Amino acid sequence: MPPSAPRRSTLPVVLTVAVLVWTAWLIGMTTGDRWGLFRENWFMSVTMAFGSFIAGATSEGGGAVAFPVMTLLFGIVPSTARDFSLMIQTVGMIAAGLTILSTRIPVERHALVWASLGGGIGVILGIEFVAGHLSPPFAKMLFTSTWLAFAFALILINRYRDREVHVRITNFLPRHAVLLVVTGIAGGVVTSITGSGLDIATFALLVLRLRINESIATPTSVVLMGVNAAVGFAWKGTFGAGMAPAAWNYWWVCVPIVVVGAPFGAWFIKHRSRLFVAKLLYASIVIQFFAAILIVPMTPQLVGFSVLVFVAGLLFFRWMANRGVRRLGWLSDQGLTEVSPAGEAPSG
């Protein structure tokens, strides 16, 4: 594998993006006399201080924090939480994505192209035809149960600490493009419901099926989620019903925070090993799942639904992981193996 260009310093990029966003934000806050929004909506500023860091540091978008907190803890309607998630990730995760790309943190570029294409199709279809047909408790448990299943599958394959992982999709073929597009469509539909989903779906595909290093799959998913959120925001705000008025109020009090928090998360994670990334992901998934169990009023139907989703997800991710093993064997037979040290972050 040819050596990649050296990474650039992160701080100048983060500061440049932050200053540009802060300037526009200050103008908007002042001309619109919006400073009073902080009195009523300060809790969202606090939420996204944490959520934006998680968004930049893991494959979970900021919406994965915002959506459950807003709908379950503060009783905000799902459509407003979804709109806010799309809006705030457009700022925070685009800022993190710019940091990732400009400082040359390694990403899987085939995934960026093809999953973005599928994700754009999926989020638009989801907004128009799917979102709003699933009640808040079921939407949240669908999200957390699927993630929990993925965590279990990742734990199983990470029992082998020296397992083979790659820094890119070796021997990329048209069928891999189709796989990425289809996965992107599914993830985009989930994004249309909860404000986050493409990042989850693509990360799972890259790590389990295509055996990409988690330290590369994570920044790839961050860039993807920023693009997908921007597409959803632009579509609903322009061609759809428009963004919920309350979502705009939450957005104004969070913009100056996420534009720093998400890039900081991306910077924090870039020198960590793939096993560190996996452990951070485990922790965030488990916390999110048990928080949902404690907060969501659990009915027999919802318990049954959650168990069904978890079992189905576990079987699916396990199948994906087994396909990944077969792929590694085939690559080895063809002499096409390109290995990244399993416990280390890639150097470029």
Protein backbone atom coordinates (compact mmCIF):
# COMPACT_ATOMS: atom_id res chain seq x y z
CA MET A 1 0.00 0.00 0.00
CA PRO A 2 1.55 3.38 -0.96
CA PRO A 3 2.27 5.74 1.90
CA SER A 4 -0.32 8.41 2.43
CA ALA A 5 0.42 12.11 2.84
CA PRO A 6 1.33 13.25 6.34
CA ARG A 7 -1.50 14.54 8.49
CA ARG A 8 -1.84 18.24 8.96
CA SER A 9 -2.29 20.02 12.27
CA THR A 10 -5.88 19.87 13.50
CA LEU A 11 -6.09 23.08 15.53
CA PRO A 12 -5.87 25.62 12.66
CA VAL A 13 -8.63 23.81 10.77
CA VAL A 14 -10.91 23.63 13.82
CA LEU A 15 -10.34 27.30 14.67
CA THR A 16 -10.94 28.44 11.09
CA VAL A 17 -14.23 26.56 10.79
CA ALA A 18 -15.30 27.66 14.28
CA VAL A 19 -14.59 31.34 13.63
CA LEU A 20 -16.55 31.28 10.37
CA VAL A 21 -19.54 29.56 11.97
CA TRP A 22 -19.42 31.70 15.12
CA THR A 23 -19.36 34.88 13.02
CA ALA A 24 -22.45 33.87 11.05
CA TRP A 25 -24.11 32.66 14.26
CA LEU A 26 -23.45 35.93 16.12
CA ILE A 27 -24.91 37.92 13.24
CA GLY A 28 -28.02 35.71 13.21
CA MET A 29 -28.44 35.84 16.99
CA THR A 30 -28.07 39.62 17.12
CA THR A 31 -30.17 40.59 14.11
CA GLY A 32 -32.91 38.16 15.13
CA ASP A 33 -32.80 39.14 18.83
CA ARG A 34 -32.50 35.48 19.79
CA TRP A 35 -30.36 35.70 22.94
CA GLY A 36 -33.38 34.97 25.12
CA LEU A 37 -33.55 31.47 23.66
CA PHE A 38 -30.83 30.35 26.07
CA ARG A 39 -33.11 30.89 29.07
CA GLU A 40 -35.62 28.28 27.94
CA ASN A 41 -33.42 25.93 25.93
CA TRP A 42 -30.14 25.78 27.87
CA PHE A 43 -30.67 22.04 28.48
CA MET A 44 -30.08 21.40 24.78
CA SER A 45 -26.79 23.27 24.92
CA VAL A 46 -25.67 20.95 27.72
CA THR A 47 -26.95 17.88 25.88
CA MET A 48 -25.09 18.69 22.69
CA ALA A 49 -21.85 19.53 24.49
CA PHE A 50 -21.71 15.81 25.22
CA GLY A 51 -23.51 14.67 22.08
CA SER A 52 -21.23 16.53 19.67
CA PHE A 53 -18.11 14.99 21.23
CA ILE A 54 -19.61 11.49 20.91
CA ALA A 55 -20.59 12.31 17.32
CA GLY A 56 -17.02 13.17 16.37
CA ALA A 57 -15.36 10.36 18.33
CA THR A 58 -17.56 7.38 17.43
CA SER A 59 -19.73 6.06 14.62
CA GLU A 60 -22.80 7.37 16.49
CA GLY A 61 -24.09 10.65 15.14
CA GLY A 62 -25.06 13.51 17.41
CA GLY A 63 -28.65 12.54 16.71
CA ALA A 64 -28.03 9.28 18.55
CA VAL A 65 -27.70 11.39 21.70
CA ALA A 66 -30.12 14.19 20.85
CA PHE A 67 -33.04 12.02 19.74
CA PRO A 68 -33.39 9.86 22.87
CA VAL A 69 -32.70 12.75 25.25
CA MET A 70 -35.25 14.99 23.57
CA THR A 71 -38.02 12.44 23.06
CA LEU A 72 -37.63 10.37 26.21
CA LEU A 73 -36.23 12.71 28.84
CA PHE A 74 -37.79 16.02 27.83
CA GLY A 75 -40.95 14.79 26.09
CA ILE A 76 -40.25 16.54 22.79
CA VAL A 77 -42.16 15.11 19.84
CA PRO A 78 -40.10 12.79 17.59
CA SER A 79 -40.56 14.87 14.45
CA THR A 80 -39.06 17.92 16.17
CA ALA A 81 -36.21 15.84 17.62
CA ARG A 82 -35.53 14.35 14.19
CA ASP A 83 -35.53 17.80 12.55
CA PHE A 84 -33.17 19.17 15.19
CA SER A 85 -30.84 16.18 14.81
CA LEU A 86 -30.60 16.72 11.06
CA MET A 87 -30.03 20.44 11.52
CA ILE A 88 -27.40 20.27 14.24
CA GLN A 89 -25.47 17.40 12.63
CA THR A 90 -25.30 19.45 9.45
CA VAL A 91 -23.19 21.91 11.43
CA GLY A 92 -21.33 19.70 13.91
CA MET A 93 -20.57 16.66 11.79
CA ILE A 94 -19.79 18.67 8.68
CA ALA A 95 -17.29 20.58 10.85
CA ALA A 96 -15.87 17.27 12.11
CA GLY A 97 -15.81 15.94 8.54
CA LEU A 98 -13.88 18.96 7.31
CA THR A 99 -11.39 18.42 10.12
CA ILE A 100 -11.04 14.75 9.21
CA LEU A 101 -10.54 15.35 5.50
CA SER A 102 -8.32 18.43 5.74
CA THR A 103 -6.00 16.85 8.30
CA ARG A 104 -5.84 13.67 6.21
CA ILE A 105 -7.19 11.30 8.80
CA PRO A 106 -7.65 8.06 6.82
CA VAL A 107 -11.15 7.28 5.53
CA GLU A 108 -12.58 4.68 3.16
CA ARG A 109 -13.24 6.78 0.07
CA HIS A 110 -15.29 4.23 -1.86
CA ALA A 111 -17.67 4.13 1.10
CA LEU A 112 -17.92 7.92 1.15
CA VAL A 113 -19.07 8.01 -2.47
CA TRP A 114 -21.43 5.04 -2.70
CA ALA A 115 -22.92 5.08 0.81
CA SER A 116 -23.54 8.83 0.48
CA LEU A 117 -25.45 8.20 -2.73
CA GLY A 118 -27.61 5.53 -1.12
CA GLY A 119 -28.01 7.54 2.06
CA GLY A 120 -29.30 10.56 0.15
CA ILE A 121 -31.91 8.42 -1.59
CA GLY A 122 -32.88 6.71 1.67
CA VAL A 123 -33.28 9.83 3.81
CA ILE A 124 -35.48 11.50 1.16
CA LEU A 125 -37.66 8.41 0.73
CA GLY A 126 -37.88 8.04 4.50
CA ILE A 127 -38.92 11.65 5.08
CA GLU A 128 -41.60 11.42 2.41
CA PHE A 129 -43.02 7.94 3.04
CA VAL A 130 -41.79 6.37 6.30
CA ALA A 131 -41.16 8.92 9.08
CA GLY A 132 -44.09 9.51 11.38
CA HIS A 133 -45.52 6.00 11.08
CA LEU A 134 -43.61 4.60 14.05
CA SER A 135 -44.46 5.69 17.61
CA PRO A 136 -41.65 7.25 19.71
CA PRO A 137 -41.09 4.25 22.02
CA PHE A 138 -40.94 1.80 19.13
CA ALA A 139 -38.67 4.09 17.11
CA LYS A 140 -36.26 4.41 20.01
CA MET A 141 -36.21 0.71 20.86
CA LEU A 142 -35.72 -0.18 17.21
CA PHE A 143 -32.64 2.06 17.24
CA THR A 144 -31.14 0.92 20.55
CA SER A 145 -31.92 -2.79 20.10
CA THR A 146 -30.25 -2.83 16.71
CA TRP A 147 -27.19 -1.07 18.11
CA LEU A 148 -27.03 -3.51 21.03
CA ALA A 149 -27.08 -6.43 18.61
CA PHE A 150 -24.24 -4.84 16.68
CA ALA A 151 -22.22 -4.37 19.89
CA PHE A 152 -22.57 -8.07 20.70
CA ALA A 153 -21.46 -9.05 17.21
CA LEU A 154 -18.45 -6.74 17.45
CA ILE A 155 -17.51 -8.16 20.85
CA LEU A 156 -17.58 -11.67 19.41
CA ILE A 157 -15.16 -10.91 16.59
CA ASN A 158 -12.95 -8.73 18.82
CA ARG A 159 -12.28 -11.69 21.08
CA TYR A 160 -9.51 -12.31 18.60
CA ARG A 161 -7.37 -9.27 19.32
CA ASP A 162 -5.00 -9.99 16.45
CA ARG A 163 -7.68 -10.53 13.85
CA GLU A 164 -6.94 -9.27 10.38
CA VAL A 165 -8.29 -5.82 9.52
CA HIS A 166 -7.81 -3.69 6.43
CA VAL A 167 -7.28 0.01 5.79
CA ARG A 168 -9.42 0.05 2.64
CA ILE A 169 -11.79 -2.15 0.66
CA THR A 170 -9.27 -4.37 -1.08
CA ASN A 171 -10.11 -5.42 -4.64
CA PHE A 172 -13.14 -3.12 -4.81
CA LEU A 173 -15.71 -4.50 -7.28
CA PRO A 174 -19.10 -3.30 -8.62
CA ARG A 175 -20.89 -5.60 -6.16
CA HIS A 176 -19.28 -3.71 -3.30
CA ALA A 177 -20.63 -0.45 -4.71
CA VAL A 178 -24.11 -2.00 -4.85
CA LEU A 179 -23.73 -3.26 -1.27
CA LEU A 180 -22.74 0.21 -0.09
CA VAL A 181 -25.64 1.86 -1.93
CA VAL A 182 -28.20 -0.59 -0.53
CA THR A 183 -26.79 -0.20 2.98
CA GLY A 184 -26.87 3.56 2.49
CA ILE A 185 -30.53 3.49 1.52
CA ALA A 186 -31.42 1.47 4.63
CA GLY A 187 -29.36 3.75 6.85
CA GLY A 188 -30.86 6.85 5.27
CA VAL A 189 -34.38 5.61 6.01
CA VAL A 190 -33.42 5.14 9.66
CA THR A 191 -31.98 8.67 9.63
CA SER A 192 -35.35 9.97 8.47
CA ILE A 193 -36.93 8.50 11.63
CA THR A 194 -34.38 9.20 14.36
CA GLY A 195 -32.00 11.73 12.81
CA SER A 196 -29.14 9.22 12.76
CA GLY A 197 -28.70 5.88 11.01
CA LEU A 198 -26.47 5.98 7.94
CA ASP A 199 -23.39 6.14 10.16
CA ILE A 200 -24.48 3.02 12.07
CA ALA A 201 -25.31 0.99 8.98
CA THR A 202 -22.15 1.85 7.09
CA PHE A 203 -19.88 1.35 10.10
CA ALA A 204 -21.35 -2.13 10.61
CA LEU A 205 -20.87 -3.03 6.96
CA LEU A 206 -17.29 -1.79 6.87
CA VAL A 207 -16.19 -3.44 10.12
CA LEU A 208 -18.09 -6.73 10.03
CA ARG A 209 -18.49 -7.55 6.33
CA LEU A 210 -15.53 -5.77 4.75
CA ARG A 211 -13.21 -6.01 7.79
CA ILE A 212 -12.08 -2.39 7.77
CA ASN A 213 -10.15 -1.12 10.81
CA GLU A 214 -12.52 0.59 13.29
CA SER A 215 -10.14 3.55 13.40
CA ILE A 216 -10.86 4.11 9.71
CA ALA A 217 -14.53 3.13 9.72
CA THR A 218 -15.24 5.68 12.49
CA PRO A 219 -14.09 8.88 10.70
CA THR A 220 -15.66 7.53 7.50
CA SER A 221 -19.02 7.24 9.27
CA VAL A 222 -18.65 10.75 10.72
CA VAL A 223 -18.20 12.28 7.27
CA LEU A 224 -21.08 10.21 5.89
CA MET A 225 -23.46 11.27 8.65
CA GLY A 226 -22.65 14.95 8.14
CA VAL A 227 -23.45 14.69 4.43
CA ASN A 228 -26.60 12.64 5.06
CA ALA A 229 -27.88 15.09 7.66
CA ALA A 230 -27.27 17.99 5.27
CA VAL A 231 -29.26 16.22 2.53
CA GLY A 232 -32.14 15.54 4.90
CA PHE A 233 -32.07 19.12 6.22
CA ALA A 234 -31.99 20.60 2.72
CA TRP A 235 -34.76 18.35 1.40
CA LYS A 236 -37.22 18.80 4.25
CA GLY A 237 -36.45 22.51 4.61
CA THR A 238 -36.80 23.21 0.90
CA PHE A 239 -39.10 20.66 -0.73
CA GLY A 240 -40.81 19.16 2.32
CA ALA A 241 -42.97 20.57 5.07
CA GLY A 242 -40.15 22.68 6.50
CA MET A 243 -38.29 22.19 9.77
CA ALA A 244 -40.25 22.34 13.03
CA PRO A 245 -40.18 25.89 14.53
CA ALA A 246 -39.11 24.54 17.94
CA ALA A 247 -36.19 22.73 16.30
CA TRP A 248 -34.85 26.09 15.12
CA ASN A 249 -34.90 27.40 18.70
CA TYR A 250 -32.87 24.42 19.91
CA TRP A 251 -30.54 24.75 16.94
CA TRP A 252 -29.61 28.36 17.68
CA VAL A 253 -28.45 27.56 21.22
CA CYS A 254 -26.34 24.59 20.13
CA VAL A 255 -24.54 25.77 16.99
CA PRO A 256 -21.54 27.42 18.72
CA ILE A 257 -21.01 24.30 20.85
CA VAL A 258 -21.17 21.52 18.26
CA VAL A 259 -18.87 23.29 15.83
CA VAL A 260 -16.12 22.76 18.41
CA GLY A 261 -17.33 19.59 20.16
CA ALA A 262 -17.54 17.34 17.09
CA PRO A 263 -14.09 18.29 15.69
CA PHE A 264 -12.65 17.83 19.18
CA GLY A 265 -14.12 14.32 19.28
CA ALA A 266 -12.58 13.58 15.86
CA TRP A 267 -9.20 14.88 17.05
CA PHE A 268 -9.41 12.90 20.30
CA ILE A 269 -10.01 9.59 18.58
CA LYS A 270 -7.54 9.82 15.71
CA HIS A 271 -4.52 8.43 17.60
CA ARG A 272 -6.47 5.79 19.54
CA SER A 273 -6.33 2.12 18.65
CA ARG A 274 -9.23 0.33 17.02
CA LEU A 275 -9.80 -1.59 20.26
CA PHE A 276 -10.11 1.69 22.16
CA VAL A 277 -12.64 2.88 19.57
CA ALA A 278 -14.58 -0.38 19.96
CA LYS A 279 -14.64 -0.09 23.76
CA LEU A 280 -15.87 3.50 23.60
CA LEU A 281 -18.58 2.34 21.24
CA TYR A 282 -19.58 -0.50 23.58
CA ALA A 283 -19.90 1.92 26.50
CA SER A 284 -22.05 4.42 24.61
CA ILE A 285 -24.33 1.68 23.26
CA VAL A 286 -24.86 0.01 26.64
CA ILE A 287 -25.52 3.32 28.41
CA GLN A 288 -27.99 4.32 25.72
CA PHE A 289 -29.82 0.98 25.82
CA PHE A 290 -30.25 0.85 29.59
CA ALA A 291 -31.26 4.51 29.68
CA ALA A 292 -33.99 3.67 27.17
CA ILE A 293 -35.12 0.70 29.28
CA LEU A 294 -35.40 2.94 32.35
CA ILE A 295 -37.11 5.84 30.60
CA VAL A 296 -39.40 4.27 28.01
CA PRO A 297 -42.69 2.91 29.43
CA MET A 298 -42.20 -0.77 28.60
CA THR A 299 -45.30 -2.66 27.54
CA PRO A 300 -45.40 -6.39 26.68
CA GLN A 301 -45.68 -5.46 23.03
CA LEU A 302 -42.66 -3.17 23.21
CA VAL A 303 -40.61 -5.78 25.10
CA GLY A 304 -41.46 -8.39 22.50
CA PHE A 305 -40.64 -5.97 19.69
CA SER A 306 -37.27 -5.09 21.28
CA VAL A 307 -36.32 -8.74 21.78
CA LEU A 308 -37.33 -9.57 18.21
CA VAL A 309 -35.26 -6.69 16.81
CA PHE A 310 -32.27 -7.63 18.97
CA VAL A 311 -32.34 -11.32 17.95
CA ALA A 312 -32.88 -10.49 14.27
CA GLY A 313 -30.10 -7.91 14.41
CA LEU A 314 -27.72 -10.30 16.16
CA LEU A 315 -28.33 -12.99 13.54
CA PHE A 316 -27.90 -10.49 10.72
CA PHE A 317 -24.68 -9.01 12.08
CA ARG A 318 -23.35 -12.48 12.80
CA TRP A 319 -24.06 -13.46 9.21
CA MET A 320 -22.28 -10.30 8.08
CA ALA A 321 -19.26 -11.17 10.24
CA ASN A 322 -19.16 -14.72 8.84
CA ARG A 323 -19.22 -13.31 5.32
CA GLY A 324 -16.32 -11.14 6.36
CA VAL A 325 -14.33 -14.23 7.36
CA ARG A 326 -15.02 -15.79 3.96
CA ARG A 327 -13.90 -12.59 2.27
CA LEU A 328 -10.60 -12.62 4.18
CA GLY A 329 -10.01 -16.20 3.13
CA TRP A 330 -10.65 -15.37 -0.51
CA LEU A 331 -8.36 -12.32 -0.41
CA SER A 332 -5.63 -14.42 1.17
CA ASP A 333 -5.97 -17.10 -1.53
CA GLN A 334 -5.67 -14.39 -4.20
CA GLY A 335 -2.67 -12.77 -2.53
CA LEU A 336 -4.58 -9.49 -2.11
CA THR A 337 -4.27 -9.07 1.65
CA GLU A 338 -3.48 -5.57 2.93
CA VAL A 339 -3.36 -5.62 6.71
CA SER A 340 -3.54 -2.86 9.30
CA PRO A 341 -2.12 -3.74 12.75
CA ALA A 342 -5.19 -4.98 14.60
CA GLY A 343 -4.64 -3.21 17.89
CA GLU A 344 -3.20 0.03 16.55
CA ALA A 345 -4.52 3.11 14.86
CA PRO A 346 -3.39 3.39 11.24
CA SER A 347 -0.52 5.77 10.76
CA GLY A 348 -1.77 7.42 7.63
